[in-house]
C-alpha atoms as a PDB file:
ATOM      1  CA  MET A   1      57.439  82.037  84.283  1.00  0.00           C
ATOM      2  CA  ASN A   2      59.993  81.885  81.457  1.00  0.00           C
ATOM      3  CA  ARG A   3      57.455  83.326  79.033  1.00  0.00           C
ATOM      4  CA  LEU A   4      56.746  86.189  81.417  1.00  0.00           C
ATOM      5  CA  ARG A   5      60.470  86.856  81.884  1.00  0.00           C
ATOM      6  CA  ASN A   6      61.035  86.867  78.122  1.00  0.00           C
ATOM      7  CA  PHE A   7      58.104  89.226  77.662  1.00  0.00           C
ATOM      8  CA  VAL A   8      59.485  91.630  80.286  1.00  0.00           C
ATOM      9  CA  VAL A   9      63.004  91.775  78.814  1.00  0.00           C
ATOM     10  CA  THR A  10      61.561  92.274  75.329  1.00  0.00           C
ATOM     11  CA  LEU A  11      59.573  95.226  76.648  1.00  0.00           C
ATOM     12  CA  LYS A  12      62.744  96.595  78.244  1.00  0.00           C
ATOM     13  CA  ASP A  13      64.613  96.437  74.928  1.00  0.00           C
ATOM     14  CA  ARG A  14      61.765  98.132  73.078  1.00  0.00           C
ATOM     15  CA  ALA A  15      61.463 100.818  75.746  1.00  0.00           C
ATOM     16  CA  SER A  16      65.211 101.484  75.626  1.00  0.00           C
ATOM     17  CA  LEU A  17      65.152 101.738  71.842  1.00  0.00           C
ATOM     18  CA  SER A  18      62.170 104.092  71.938  1.00  0.00           C
ATOM     19  CA  LYS A  19      63.886 106.291  74.512  1.00  0.00           C
ATOM     20  CA  ALA A  20      67.116 106.313  72.507  1.00  0.00           C
ATOM     21  CA  GLY A  21      65.237 107.237  69.352  1.00  0.00           C
ATOM     22  CA  LEU A  22      63.298 110.063  70.984  1.00  0.00           C
ATOM     23  CA  LEU A  23      65.859 111.596  73.312  1.00  0.00           C
ATOM     24  CA  SER A  24      69.308 110.697  72.000  1.00  0.00           C
ATOM     25  CA  ASP A  25      71.394 110.481  68.873  1.00  0.00           C
ATOM     26  CA  ASP A  26      72.387 107.496  66.744  1.00  0.00           C
ATOM     27  CA  VAL A  27      75.104 106.481  69.220  1.00  0.00           C
ATOM     28  CA  ASP A  28      72.609 105.430  71.885  1.00  0.00           C
ATOM     29  CA  THR A  29      70.461 103.585  69.359  1.00  0.00           C
ATOM     30  CA  VAL A  30      73.436 101.567  68.082  1.00  0.00           C
ATOM     31  CA  VAL A  31      74.526 100.696  71.640  1.00  0.00           C
ATOM     32  CA  ILE A  32      71.022  99.500  72.566  1.00  0.00           C
ATOM     33  CA  ARG A  33      70.777  97.359  69.421  1.00  0.00           C
ATOM     34  CA  LEU A  34      74.205  95.877  70.164  1.00  0.00           C
ATOM     35  CA  THR A  35      73.356  94.913  73.729  1.00  0.00           C
ATOM     36  CA  THR A  36      69.730  93.771  73.741  1.00  0.00           C
ATOM     37  CA  HIS A  37      68.494  91.330  76.380  1.00  0.00           C
ATOM     38  CA  ARG A  38      67.185  88.977  73.707  1.00  0.00           C
ATOM     39  CA  PRO A  39      68.383  86.779  72.161  1.00  0.00           C
ATOM     40  CA  SER A  40      70.460  86.072  75.250  1.00  0.00           C
ATOM     41  CA  LYS A  41      72.674  83.347  73.769  1.00  0.00           C
ATOM     42  CA  SER A  42      73.434  84.832  70.347  1.00  0.00           C
ATOM     43  CA  PRO A  43      76.620  86.783  69.510  1.00  0.00           C
ATOM     44  CA  VAL A  44      76.405  90.519  68.959  1.00  0.00           C
ATOM     45  CA  ASN A  45      75.336  91.407  65.416  1.00  0.00           C
ATOM     46  CA  PRO A  46      78.435  92.023  63.202  1.00  0.00           C
ATOM     47  CA  GLU A  47      76.627  94.820  61.343  1.00  0.00           C
ATOM     48  CA  HIS A  48      75.891  96.589  64.621  1.00  0.00           C
ATOM     49  CA  VAL A  49      79.525  96.106  65.695  1.00  0.00           C
ATOM     50  CA  SER A  50      80.679  97.712  62.434  1.00  0.00           C
ATOM     51  CA  ALA A  51      78.252 100.584  62.989  1.00  0.00           C
ATOM     52  CA  PHE A  52      79.693 101.170  66.455  1.00  0.00           C
ATOM     53  CA  LEU A  53      83.303 100.980  65.242  1.00  0.00           C
ATOM     54  CA  SER A  54      82.497 103.525  62.520  1.00  0.00           C
ATOM     55  CA  PHE A  55      82.087 106.190  65.221  1.00  0.00           C
ATOM     56  CA  GLY A  56      85.865 106.040  65.545  1.00  0.00           C
ATOM     57  CA  ASN A  57      86.276 107.210  61.949  1.00  0.00           C
ATOM     58  CA  SER A  58      84.815 110.660  62.575  1.00  0.00           C
ATOM     59  CA  SER A  59      85.493 113.233  65.290  1.00  0.00           C
ATOM     60  CA  ARG A  60      87.029 112.644  68.698  1.00  0.00           C
ATOM     61  CA  THR A  61      83.812 113.944  70.260  1.00  0.00           C
ATOM     62  CA  CYS A  62      81.757 111.325  68.425  1.00  0.00           C
ATOM     63  CA  ALA A  63      84.141 108.549  69.486  1.00  0.00           C
ATOM     64  CA  ALA A  64      83.983 109.733  73.103  1.00  0.00           C
ATOM     65  CA  SER A  65      80.174 109.732  72.996  1.00  0.00           C
ATOM     66  CA  ALA A  66      80.157 106.164  71.671  1.00  0.00           C
ATOM     67  CA  ILE A  67      82.493 104.819  74.377  1.00  0.00           C
ATOM     68  CA  ASN A  68      80.674 106.780  77.079  1.00  0.00           C
ATOM     69  CA  ALA A  69      77.290 105.393  75.954  1.00  0.00           C
ATOM     70  CA  LEU A  70      78.659 101.839  75.993  1.00  0.00           C
ATOM     71  CA  LEU A  71      80.106 102.191  79.500  1.00  0.00           C
ATOM     72  CA  SER A  72      76.895 103.797  80.745  1.00  0.00           C
ATOM     73  CA  ARG A  73      74.977 100.807  79.411  1.00  0.00           C
ATOM     74  CA  LEU A  74      77.438  98.438  81.120  1.00  0.00           C
ATOM     75  CA  ASN A  75      77.139 100.105  84.518  1.00  0.00           C
ATOM     76  CA  SER A  76      73.386 100.759  84.489  1.00  0.00           C
ATOM     77  CA  THR A  77      72.141  97.227  83.809  1.00  0.00           C
ATOM     78  CA  ARG A  78      71.669  94.223  86.080  1.00  0.00           C
ATOM     79  CA  SER A  79      71.252  91.787  83.192  1.00  0.00           C
ATOM     80  CA  PRO A  80      74.138  89.305  82.769  1.00  0.00           C
ATOM     81  CA  THR A  81      73.371  89.121  79.044  1.00  0.00           C
ATOM     82  CA  VAL A  82      73.638  92.889  78.571  1.00  0.00           C
ATOM     83  CA  VAL A  83      76.813  93.050  80.681  1.00  0.00           C
ATOM     84  CA  LEU A  84      78.433  90.252  78.676  1.00  0.00           C
ATOM     85  CA  LYS A  85      77.495  91.875  75.365  1.00  0.00           C
ATOM     86  CA  CYS A  86      78.894  95.235  76.535  1.00  0.00           C
ATOM     87  CA  LEU A  87      82.165  93.545  77.473  1.00  0.00           C
ATOM     88  CA  ASN A  88      82.222  91.796  74.115  1.00  0.00           C
ATOM     89  CA  VAL A  89      81.842  95.129  72.298  1.00  0.00           C
ATOM     90  CA  ILE A  90      84.759  96.530  74.331  1.00  0.00           C
ATOM     91  CA  HIS A  91      86.768  93.502  73.186  1.00  0.00           C
ATOM     92  CA  HIS A  92      85.897  94.279  69.550  1.00  0.00           C
ATOM     93  CA  VAL A  93      87.001  97.889  70.068  1.00  0.00           C
ATOM     94  CA  ILE A  94      90.350  96.664  71.416  1.00  0.00           C
ATOM     95  CA  ARG A  95      90.839  94.329  68.458  1.00  0.00           C
ATOM     96  CA  HIS A  96      89.449  96.387  65.581  1.00  0.00           C
ATOM     97  CA  GLY A  97      88.838  99.958  66.765  1.00  0.00           C
ATOM     98  CA  SER A  98      90.563 103.025  65.332  1.00  0.00           C
ATOM     99  CA  PHE A  99      93.239 104.962  67.196  1.00  0.00           C
ATOM    100  CA  ILE A 100      90.637 107.536  68.290  1.00  0.00           C
ATOM    101  CA  LEU A 101      88.374 104.828  69.752  1.00  0.00           C
ATOM    102  CA  HIS A 102      91.357 103.272  71.526  1.00  0.00           C
ATOM    103  CA  ASP A 103      92.324 106.651  72.938  1.00  0.00           C
ATOM    104  CA  GLN A 104      88.811 107.330  74.237  1.00  0.00           C
ATOM    105  CA  LEU A 105      88.515 103.822  75.662  1.00  0.00           C
ATOM    106  CA  PHE A 106      91.792 104.332  77.521  1.00  0.00           C
ATOM    107  CA  SER A 107      90.689 107.730  78.833  1.00  0.00           C
ATOM    108  CA  LEU A 108      87.280 106.600  80.073  1.00  0.00           C
ATOM    109  CA  LEU A 109      88.603 103.374  81.605  1.00  0.00           C
ATOM    110  CA  HIS A 110      91.461 105.055  83.464  1.00  0.00           C
ATOM    111  CA  PRO A 111      90.441 104.900  87.156  1.00  0.00           C
ATOM    112  CA  LYS A 112      92.708 107.795  88.170  1.00  0.00           C
ATOM    113  CA  LEU A 113      90.776 110.140  85.902  1.00  0.00           C
ATOM    114  CA  PHE A 114      87.511 109.362  87.714  1.00  0.00           C
ATOM    115  CA  GLY A 115      88.490 109.461  91.372  1.00  0.00           C
ATOM    116  CA  GLY A 116      89.475 105.794  91.401  1.00  0.00           C
ATOM    117  CA  TYR A 117      86.250 104.529  89.765  1.00  0.00           C
ATOM    118  CA  ASN A 118      86.806 101.507  87.542  1.00  0.00           C
ATOM    119  CA  HIS A 119      84.088 100.714  84.989  1.00  0.00           C
ATOM    120  CA  LEU A 120      85.419  97.166  84.539  1.00  0.00           C
ATOM    121  CA  ASN A 121      85.493  96.283  88.224  1.00  0.00           C
ATOM    122  CA  LEU A 122      82.666  93.738  88.303  1.00  0.00           C
ATOM    123  CA  SER A 123      83.945  91.861  91.356  1.00  0.00           C
ATOM    124  CA  GLY A 124      80.548  92.294  93.015  1.00  0.00           C
ATOM    125  CA  PHE A 125      78.520  91.104  90.016  1.00  0.00           C
ATOM    126  CA  ARG A 126      76.207  88.270  91.110  1.00  0.00           C
ATOM    127  CA  ARG A 127      73.519  87.793  88.451  1.00  0.00           C
ATOM    128  CA  GLY A 128      72.517  84.639  86.630  1.00  0.00           C
ATOM    129  CA  SER A 129      73.976  81.287  87.599  1.00  0.00           C
ATOM    130  CA  LEU A 130      77.084  81.075  89.766  1.00  0.00           C
ATOM    131  CA  ALA A 131      79.216  79.734  86.901  1.00  0.00           C
ATOM    132  CA  TYR A 132      77.908  82.319  84.430  1.00  0.00           C
ATOM    133  CA  SER A 133      78.446  85.322  86.723  1.00  0.00           C
ATOM    134  CA  SER A 134      81.929  84.045  87.638  1.00  0.00           C
ATOM    135  CA  TRP A 135      82.815  83.773  83.983  1.00  0.00           C
ATOM    136  CA  ILE A 136      81.535  87.315  83.315  1.00  0.00           C
ATOM    137  CA  ARG A 137      83.743  88.613  86.142  1.00  0.00           C
ATOM    138  CA  TRP A 138      86.710  86.772  84.616  1.00  0.00           C
ATOM    139  CA  TYR A 139      86.036  88.331  81.189  1.00  0.00           C
ATOM    140  CA  ALA A 140      85.918  91.810  82.752  1.00  0.00           C
ATOM    141  CA  ARG A 141      89.256  91.165  84.511  1.00  0.00           C
ATOM    142  CA  PHE A 142      90.795  89.921  81.274  1.00  0.00           C
ATOM    143  CA  LEU A 143      89.780  93.102  79.419  1.00  0.00           C
ATOM    144  CA  GLU A 144      90.888  95.247  82.358  1.00  0.00           C
ATOM    145  CA  LEU A 145      94.324  93.598  82.222  1.00  0.00           C
ATOM    146  CA  ILE A 146      94.638  94.386  78.517  1.00  0.00           C
ATOM    147  CA  ILE A 147      93.675  98.019  79.179  1.00  0.00           C
ATOM    148  CA  SER A 148      96.209  98.324  82.016  1.00  0.00           C
ATOM    149  CA  THR A 149      98.891  96.778  79.788  1.00  0.00           C
ATOM    150  CA  TYR A 150      97.992  99.349  77.148  1.00  0.00           C
ATOM    151  CA  ARG A 151      99.070 102.021  79.636  1.00  0.00           C
ATOM    152  CA  ILE A 152     102.384 100.253  80.267  1.00  0.00           C
ATOM    153  CA  ILE A 153     103.414  99.697  76.648  1.00  0.00           C
ATOM    154  CA  ASP A 154     103.378 103.205  75.193  1.00  0.00           C
ATOM    155  CA  MET A 155      99.599 103.366  74.761  1.00  0.00           C
ATOM    156  CA  ASN A 156      99.545 100.979  71.822  1.00  0.00           C
ATOM    157  CA  PHE A 157      97.187  98.037  71.363  1.00  0.00           C
ATOM    158  CA  ASP A 158      99.223  96.664  68.442  1.00  0.00           C
ATOM    159  CA  PHE A 159     101.349  94.571  70.818  1.00  0.00           C
ATOM    160  CA  ILE A 160      98.396  92.176  71.151  1.00  0.00           C
ATOM    161  CA  VAL A 161      98.211  91.384  67.435  1.00  0.00           C
ATOM    162  CA  TRP A 162     101.408  89.916  66.019  1.00  0.00           C
ATOM    163  CA  ARG A 163     101.172  89.988  62.222  1.00  0.00           C
ATOM    164  CA  GLY A 164     104.750  88.895  61.583  1.00  0.00           C
ATOM    165  CA  ASN A 165     105.162  91.436  58.781  1.00  0.00           C
ATOM    166  CA  VAL A 166     108.202  93.590  58.015  1.00  0.00           C
ATOM    167  CA  GLU A 167     106.889  96.478  60.109  1.00  0.00           C
ATOM    168  CA  ASP A 168     106.486  94.289  63.204  1.00  0.00           C
ATOM    169  CA  LYS A 169     109.957  92.790  62.806  1.00  0.00           C
ATOM    170  CA  GLU A 170     111.595  96.185  62.252  1.00  0.00           C
ATOM    171  CA  LYS A 171     109.906  97.505  65.381  1.00  0.00           C
ATOM    172  CA  LEU A 172     111.532  94.743  67.454  1.00  0.00           C
ATOM    173  CA  LEU A 173     114.944  95.639  66.041  1.00  0.00           C
ATOM    174  CA  THR A 174     114.576  99.249  67.206  1.00  0.00           C
ATOM    175  CA  MET A 175     113.578  98.355  70.772  1.00  0.00           C
ATOM    176  CA  VAL A 176     116.107  98.352  73.609  1.00  0.00           C
ATOM    177  CA  ASN A 177     116.489  95.253  75.783  1.00  0.00           C
ATOM    178  CA  ASN A 178     114.448  96.390  78.785  1.00  0.00           C
ATOM    179  CA  GLU A 179     111.565  97.375  76.483  1.00  0.00           C
ATOM    180  CA  LEU A 180     111.503  93.884  74.979  1.00  0.00           C
ATOM    181  CA  ILE A 181     111.543  92.301  78.432  1.00  0.00           C
ATOM    182  CA  ARG A 182     108.813  94.651  79.679  1.00  0.00           C
ATOM    183  CA  GLU A 183     106.553  93.757  76.744  1.00  0.00           C
ATOM    184  CA  LEU A 184     107.329  90.072  77.206  1.00  0.00           C
ATOM    185  CA  ASP A 185     106.378  90.323  80.875  1.00  0.00           C
ATOM    186  CA  ALA A 186     103.108  92.122  80.042  1.00  0.00           C
ATOM    187  CA  LEU A 187     102.115  89.523  77.453  1.00  0.00           C
ATOM    188  CA  VAL A 188     102.880  86.663  79.847  1.00  0.00           C
ATOM    189  CA  HIS A 189     100.634  88.214  82.505  1.00  0.00           C
ATOM    190  CA  ILE A 190      97.735  88.328  80.031  1.00  0.00           C
ATOM    191  CA  LEU A 191      98.306  84.728  78.935  1.00  0.00           C
ATOM    192  CA  GLU A 192      98.377  83.563  82.546  1.00  0.00           C
ATOM    193  CA  GLU A 193      94.969  85.205  83.013  1.00  0.00           C
ATOM    194  CA  ILE A 194      93.645  83.447  79.889  1.00  0.00           C
ATOM    195  CA  ARG A 195      94.615  80.118  81.446  1.00  0.00           C
ATOM    196  CA  ASN A 196      92.318  80.917  84.382  1.00  0.00           C
ATOM    197  CA  VAL A 197      89.223  80.801  82.177  1.00  0.00           C
ATOM    198  CA  SER A 198      89.106  77.003  82.425  1.00  0.00           C
ATOM    199  CA  ASN A 199      88.690  77.347  86.189  1.00  0.00           C
ATOM    200  CA  TYR A 200      85.304  79.016  85.726  1.00  0.00           C
ATOM    201  CA  VAL A 201      83.295  77.448  82.952  1.00  0.00           C
ATOM    202  CA  GLU A 202      83.310  74.992  80.093  1.00  0.00           C
ATOM    203  CA  TYR A 203      80.193  76.194  78.358  1.00  0.00           C
ATOM    204  CA  ASN A 204      77.862  73.870  76.513  1.00  0.00           C
ATOM    205  CA  GLY A 205      77.324  74.372  72.831  1.00  0.00           C
ATOM    206  CA  ASN A 206      73.932  76.099  72.992  1.00  0.00           C
ATOM    207  CA  ASN A 207      75.397  79.440  74.169  1.00  0.00           C
ATOM    208  CA  ARG A 208      76.781  80.866  70.944  1.00  0.00           C
ATOM    209  CA  LEU A 209      77.649  84.189  72.611  1.00  0.00           C
ATOM    210  CA  ALA A 210      79.941  82.422  75.091  1.00  0.00           C
ATOM    211  CA  LYS A 211      81.475  80.307  72.320  1.00  0.00           C
ATOM    212  CA  GLU A 212      82.177  83.409  70.226  1.00  0.00           C
ATOM    213  CA  ILE A 213      83.874  85.143  73.159  1.00  0.00           C
ATOM    214  CA  LEU A 214      86.019  82.077  73.840  1.00  0.00           C
ATOM    215  CA  ARG A 215      86.966  82.025  70.154  1.00  0.00           C
ATOM    216  CA  LEU A 216      88.084  85.672  70.292  1.00  0.00           C
ATOM    217  CA  VAL A 217      90.068  85.078  73.478  1.00  0.00           C
ATOM    218  CA  ASP A 218      91.772  82.043  71.938  1.00  0.00           C
ATOM    219  CA  GLU A 219      92.681  84.087  68.847  1.00  0.00           C
ATOM    220  CA  ASP A 220      94.249  86.658  71.164  1.00  0.00           C
ATOM    221  CA  ARG A 221      96.179  83.878  72.896  1.00  0.00           C
ATOM    222  CA  VAL A 222      97.621  82.494  69.656  1.00  0.00           C
ATOM    223  CA  SER A 223      98.569  85.953  68.391  1.00  0.00           C
ATOM    224  CA  MET A 224     100.250  86.888  71.678  1.00  0.00           C
ATOM    225  CA  GLU A 225     102.176  83.606  71.753  1.00  0.00           C
ATOM    226  CA  PHE A 226     103.598  84.349  68.311  1.00  0.00           C
ATOM    227  CA  GLY A 227     104.508  87.810  69.611  1.00  0.00           C
ATOM    228  CA  ILE A 228     106.239  86.253  72.620  1.00  0.00           C
ATOM    229  CA  LEU A 229     108.138  83.852  70.364  1.00  0.00           C
ATOM    230  CA  ALA A 230     109.366  86.720  68.160  1.00  0.00           C
ATOM    231  CA  ARG A 231     110.554  88.747  71.176  1.00  0.00           C
ATOM    232  CA  MET A 232     112.316  85.738  72.678  1.00  0.00           C
ATOM    233  CA  LYS A 233     114.157  84.998  69.428  1.00  0.00           C
ATOM    234  CA  GLU A 234     115.284  88.623  69.300  1.00  0.00           C
ATOM    235  CA  LEU A 235     116.528  88.416  72.895  1.00  0.00           C
ATOM    236  CA  CYS A 236     118.434  85.221  72.029  1.00  0.00           C
ATOM    237  CA  GLU A 237     120.306  87.145  69.324  1.00  0.00           C
ATOM    238  CA  ARG A 238     121.196  89.901  71.811  1.00  0.00           C
ATOM    239  CA  MET A 239     122.168  87.674  74.731  1.00  0.00           C
ATOM    240  CA  ASP A 240     125.815  88.801  74.836  1.00  0.00           C
ATOM    241  CA  HIS A 241     124.738  92.440  75.067  1.00  0.00           C
ATOM    242  CA  ILE A 242     122.092  92.251  77.809  1.00  0.00           C
ATOM    243  CA  GLY A 243     122.946  93.822  81.160  1.00  0.00           C
ATOM    244  CA  PHE A 244     123.010  91.847  84.388  1.00  0.00           C
ATOM    245  CA  GLY A 245     119.849  93.468  85.807  1.00  0.00           C
ATOM    246  CA  ASP A 246     117.880  92.681  82.649  1.00  0.00           C
ATOM    247  CA  LEU A 247     119.221  89.111  82.683  1.00  0.00           C
ATOM    248  CA  VAL A 248     118.003  88.574  86.235  1.00  0.00           C
ATOM    249  CA  GLN A 249     114.547  89.885  85.308  1.00  0.00           C
ATOM    250  CA  LEU A 250     114.482  87.718  82.181  1.00  0.00           C
ATOM    251  CA  ASN A 251     115.513  84.616  84.135  1.00  0.00           C
ATOM    252  CA  CYS A 252     112.699  85.127  86.635  1.00  0.00           C
ATOM    253  CA  LEU A 253     110.217  85.652  83.814  1.00  0.00           C
ATOM    254  CA  LEU A 254     111.284  82.490  81.982  1.00  0.00           C
ATOM    255  CA  ARG A 255     110.542  80.459  85.116  1.00  0.00           C
ATOM    256  CA  SER A 256     107.000  81.771  85.477  1.00  0.00           C
ATOM    257  CA  SER A 257     104.064  79.379  85.680  1.00  0.00           C
ATOM    258  CA  TYR A 258     103.059  80.219  82.105  1.00  0.00           C
ATOM    259  CA  PHE A 259     106.333  78.988  80.578  1.00  0.00           C
ATOM    260  CA  GLU A 260     106.315  75.907  82.811  1.00  0.00           C
ATOM    261  CA  TYR A 261     102.828  75.165  81.526  1.00  0.00           C
ATOM    262  CA  ARG A 262     103.828  75.649  77.870  1.00  0.00           C
ATOM    263  CA  ILE A 263     106.857  73.375  78.219  1.00  0.00           C
ATOM    264  CA  ASN A 264     104.727  70.621  79.739  1.00  0.00           C
ATOM    265  CA  ASN A 265     101.885  71.014  77.209  1.00  0.00           C
ATOM    266  CA  ARG A 266     103.258  70.879  73.687  1.00  0.00           C
ATOM    267  CA  LYS A 267     100.044  70.414  71.756  1.00  0.00           C
ATOM    268  CA  ASN A 268     101.282  71.439  68.296  1.00  0.00           C
ATOM    269  CA  ASP A 269     104.363  72.461  66.315  1.00  0.00           C
ATOM    270  CA  HIS A 270     103.942  76.066  67.464  1.00  0.00           C
ATOM    271  CA  GLY A 271     103.969  74.967  71.111  1.00  0.00           C
ATOM    272  CA  ASP A 272     107.007  72.764  70.508  1.00  0.00           C
ATOM    273  CA  VAL A 273     108.972  75.644  68.929  1.00  0.00           C
ATOM    274  CA  LEU A 274     108.034  77.940  71.818  1.00  0.00           C
ATOM    275  CA  SER A 275     109.176  75.330  74.345  1.00  0.00           C
ATOM    276  CA  LYS A 276     112.531  74.905  72.578  1.00  0.00           C
ATOM    277  CA  VAL A 277     113.128  78.656  72.470  1.00  0.00           C
ATOM    278  CA  VAL A 278     112.238  78.966  76.171  1.00  0.00           C
ATOM    279  CA  SER A 279     114.735  76.225  77.068  1.00  0.00           C
ATOM    280  CA  GLU A 280     117.439  77.767  74.872  1.00  0.00           C
ATOM    281  CA  LEU A 281     116.882  81.250  76.268  1.00  0.00           C
ATOM    282  CA  ARG A 282     116.875  79.965  79.855  1.00  0.00           C
ATOM    283  CA  GLU A 283     120.209  78.226  79.329  1.00  0.00           C
ATOM    284  CA  LYS A 284     121.820  81.214  77.625  1.00  0.00           C
ATOM    285  CA  ALA A 285     120.508  83.684  80.197  1.00  0.00           C
ATOM    286  CA  THR A 286     121.805  81.562  83.074  1.00  0.00           C
ATOM    287  CA  VAL A 287     125.262  81.118  81.520  1.00  0.00           C
ATOM    288  CA  VAL A 288     125.653  84.803  80.653  1.00  0.00           C
ATOM    289  CA  ALA A 289     124.380  85.905  84.074  1.00  0.00           C
ATOM    290  CA  VAL A 290     126.951  83.681  85.812  1.00  0.00           C
ATOM    291  CA  GLU A 291     129.751  84.995  83.575  1.00  0.00           C
ATOM    292  CA  VAL A 292     128.747  88.606  84.197  1.00  0.00           C
ATOM    293  CA  GLU A 293     128.613  88.017  87.946  1.00  0.00           C
ATOM    294  CA  LYS A 294     132.043  86.332  87.943  1.00  0.00           C
ATOM    295  CA  GLY A 295     133.477  89.192  85.914  1.00  0.00           C
ATOM    296  CA  ALA A 296     132.102  91.702  88.396  1.00  0.00           C
ATOM    297  CA  GLU A 297     133.648  89.777  91.317  1.00  0.00           C
ATOM    298  CA  ILE A 298     137.045  89.607  89.606  1.00  0.00           C
ATOM    299  CA  GLN A 299     136.943  93.316  88.857  1.00  0.00           C
ATOM    300  CA  GLU A 300     136.005  94.068  92.460  1.00  0.00           C
ATOM    301  CA  ASN A 301     138.826  91.900  93.827  1.00  0.00           C
ATOM    302  CA  ASN A 302     141.375  93.469  91.492  1.00  0.00           C
ATOM    303  CA  GLY A 303     140.145  96.923  92.467  1.00  0.00           C
END
């Protein structure tokens, strides 16, 4: 039975490639090669990923065709392997794609532009094993959250990758307080979703595709935590100049489940530094908020 199944999916891949070669342009061929049924447990080919990302270095029309072909592949298949590979390519676009690819990805994944249709809504996906399909649904939600955050934070994916260079640090200095808090809140929401992955699957070592995806997600987590740390240090410096409303929002954010988890799980020096900054910022925010509130009461009584 397994041999027959493997034979059928191989035929499907060959048929798709033949159709792409005869009826479509290079975009469709690259997408098919990226998302073949077999091998089902191997990561997407880096050369094919580079070929897909290169479509973002030409015209906007070419970039739109590439993203559209990828989403069509995602929504037209019932194979968990093909779905997972499509999601993985979207992840690579988020991490390494050009501005044009990002822009087209945002446009085509914006539900309001398509009558409420959401390409990444895989809540009804039930293929493969229960654990595997659950994990695929989680991965889709994770990517959807990043896309939605992209719409919140001035349409810029750079907030995910904290390089710690001069440009990143100067950008923080130019941001107003509520912008810093809004970005901090968005990053925390993504990290809370990353924590949920352990609820679905701890994959064995023979699925290299799953291991590669987990590696990428963990890299995102580390980068975002450094970004959170940088924003929190900047807020610490500004504590005396933060308004009461922003302080209340910051206080609520600092008591979220994510920060409670980080404080109770200091696995390395980075985690220990983050925990110390959280504690320091909590204390400062509480003290300043109380002082501001007292000052407002005194002013009201004197008035």
